[in-house]
Amino acid sequence: MMMLGAESFNAAGAIVSRPALSSVSMTAIKPGDIGTTKPLGVYDPLGLMTKMPDKYRRWQEMEIKHGRLAMAGVLHVVVTGAGYRWDGYCSYLSFPPLKFEDIPAGSVASWEALPQAGWAQIVALIAILDNSLFAQDPDLAPGDVVGEKIPWVRYSDPVVKEFKLNAERNNGRAAMMGIIGMLIHESLTGNPVFPIGE
């Protein structure tokens, strides 16, 4: 069997050239910005940053927000999967009253166990916090939602600050992929994590 290289399929004498990363015209994002970490750097295969640069700020805010919620979701799966629960009742209004220890681990199972009124309260609380205490100030950097209202840790060293912001962005990206994987795995197998202890 004869093996042909990829070059064999090109037209005779045709030279295949790819634009260098530095020659790509990015209007909204450039190498070195927060979130453009190695090995990908500026990764925009659909060209969204050149087609809709005006929306980039909003996308940054949403990526950070979703990453933070995903990190909390992954932590929920790990902590409840390890058997840790709060004491007391989650709901007195359901029949019979629902204790925290009665809620199963995992995102799908806990969602199914909670009464609808409980989920309505959770969504309402997050919406109120998102639009009041943690509202994004357009004059502050994306993700800086507390300003001076809460004594949050601030980093004066620009190198340390850049590292921390990139670490948060990448951890959020990993958590978004992780929680999606956990939801799919739990839907298919009943366990959000690899079957530990089964």
Foldseek 3Di string as FASTA:
>chain_A
DDDDDPVVPDDPPDDDDDDDPVPDDFDQDDFPPQQQDPDRRDDDPPCCRVVCVVCVQVVLLVLLVQLVVLVVQVVQLVCVVVPDWDADFPAVPDVNTHTRSNQHHADVSNVVPDDPVSVVVVVVVVVVCCVPQQDDDPVDHRPPRRPPVDPDDDDPPPVVVSVVSNVSSVSSVVSVVLSVQLVVCCVVPVGSDDPPPD
